[in-house]
Protein backbone atom coordinates (compact mmCIF):
# COMPACT_ATOMS: atom_id res chain seq x y z
CA MET A 1 135.71 98.75 110.62
CA ASN A 2 136.51 100.12 114.27
CA ARG A 3 134.68 99.36 117.06
CA LYS A 4 133.37 103.06 116.69
CA GLY A 5 131.68 102.34 113.77
CA ILE A 6 130.40 99.50 114.84
CA TRP A 7 128.54 101.19 117.92
CA ILE A 8 127.58 104.14 115.78
CA ILE A 9 125.66 101.97 112.94
CA LEU A 10 124.24 99.91 116.31
CA ILE A 11 122.66 103.05 117.77
CA LEU A 12 121.26 103.89 114.52
CA GLY A 13 119.53 100.96 114.15
CA LEU A 14 118.28 100.99 117.78
CA ILE A 15 116.79 104.57 116.60
CA ALA A 16 115.35 103.26 113.70
CA LEU A 17 113.55 100.78 115.71
CA LEU A 18 112.15 102.86 118.37
CA LEU A 19 110.59 105.00 115.49
CA LEU A 20 108.98 102.28 113.97
CA PHE A 21 107.48 100.88 117.05
CA LEU A 22 106.85 104.15 119.32
CA PRO A 23 102.88 105.39 118.89
CA LEU A 24 103.83 108.68 116.84
CA ALA A 25 101.34 108.19 113.84
CA ASP A 26 97.86 109.41 114.16
CA ARG A 27 94.89 106.76 113.86
CA THR A 28 93.10 108.51 111.31
CA SER A 29 95.12 110.93 108.76
CA ARG A 30 94.42 114.83 109.01
CA SER A 31 93.56 114.87 105.60
CA GLU A 32 91.21 112.38 105.03
CA ARG A 33 88.15 113.10 103.78
CA VAL A 34 84.95 113.15 105.68
CA ILE A 35 81.25 113.78 105.06
CA VAL A 36 79.71 116.71 107.23
CA ASP A 37 75.93 116.95 108.17
CA HIS A 38 75.76 120.74 108.97
CA THR A 39 72.27 120.58 110.19
CA LEU A 40 73.51 117.82 113.20
CA HIS A 41 77.15 118.81 113.47
CA GLU A 42 77.98 115.69 112.76
CA ILE A 43 80.87 113.61 110.98
CA VAL A 44 80.22 110.43 109.58
CA HIS A 45 82.99 108.59 107.39
CA PRO A 46 82.07 107.84 104.11
CA GLY A 47 82.03 103.87 104.29
CA CYS A 48 79.39 104.36 107.03
CA PHE A 49 77.16 107.04 104.99
CA ASP A 50 74.54 104.42 103.74
CA GLN A 51 73.75 103.84 107.37
CA ALA A 52 74.03 107.47 108.98
CA GLU A 53 70.88 109.25 109.31
CA THR A 54 71.74 112.88 107.90
CA THR A 55 69.86 115.55 106.69
CA ASN A 56 70.27 117.02 102.88
CA TYR A 57 72.72 119.75 104.34
CA LEU A 58 76.20 117.64 103.55
CA ASP A 59 79.61 118.68 102.55
CA GLU A 60 82.67 117.18 102.46
CA VAL A 61 85.78 117.93 103.94
CA SER A 62 89.13 116.98 105.48
CA PHE A 63 88.95 115.17 109.27
CA SER A 64 91.03 118.14 110.64
CA ARG A 65 88.47 120.86 109.46
CA ALA A 66 85.49 118.83 110.47
CA THR A 67 86.86 118.46 114.20
CA GLU A 68 89.21 121.49 114.69
CA GLU A 69 87.80 124.40 112.72
CA LEU A 70 84.16 123.61 112.62
CA GLY A 71 84.25 121.70 115.72
CA TYR A 72 81.64 118.73 114.69
CA ARG A 73 81.59 115.55 116.57
CA ILE A 74 81.29 112.02 115.54
CA GLU A 75 77.99 110.36 116.68
CA ASP A 76 77.40 107.09 115.13
CA ALA A 77 79.34 103.84 115.81
CA CYS A 78 80.21 102.99 112.64
CA SER A 79 82.31 106.26 111.99
CA LYS A 80 83.50 106.11 115.81
CA GLU A 81 85.04 102.81 114.59
CA ARG A 82 86.50 103.91 111.48
CA LEU A 83 87.64 107.26 112.51
CA GLU A 84 89.70 106.06 115.88
CA ALA A 85 91.52 109.52 117.92
CA GLY A 86 95.16 108.69 119.29
CA LYS A 87 98.15 107.40 118.17
CA GLU A 88 99.33 104.12 116.83
CA SER A 89 102.78 103.03 115.80
CA VAL A 90 103.98 103.49 112.06
CA ILE A 91 104.80 99.66 111.77
CA SER A 92 101.18 99.22 112.93
CA LYS A 93 99.79 101.83 110.59
CA ILE A 94 101.98 100.56 107.45
CA PHE A 95 100.35 96.61 108.37
CA ASN A 96 97.21 98.06 108.91
CA GLU A 97 96.14 100.21 105.60
């Protein structure tokens, strides 16, 4: 293999490593299913439903629909912890799930 081929492989490997470690992935998937309370305009993570104080006007929607289309907010601490905003690296997303 010639020097040009080695450099190309090294550069492609470096790019692949950068893509794994740069914060590119959303912490909470836009398609994750959440419970919304239409009376209180709140988002509740399904794992936090038992401790959340909700009314009877509930629905299950995607996280993106709840935040972007409906404009609801996350109020309880448990749901805030499980539905974090922001970005994380692809490698940490793989190992955290």
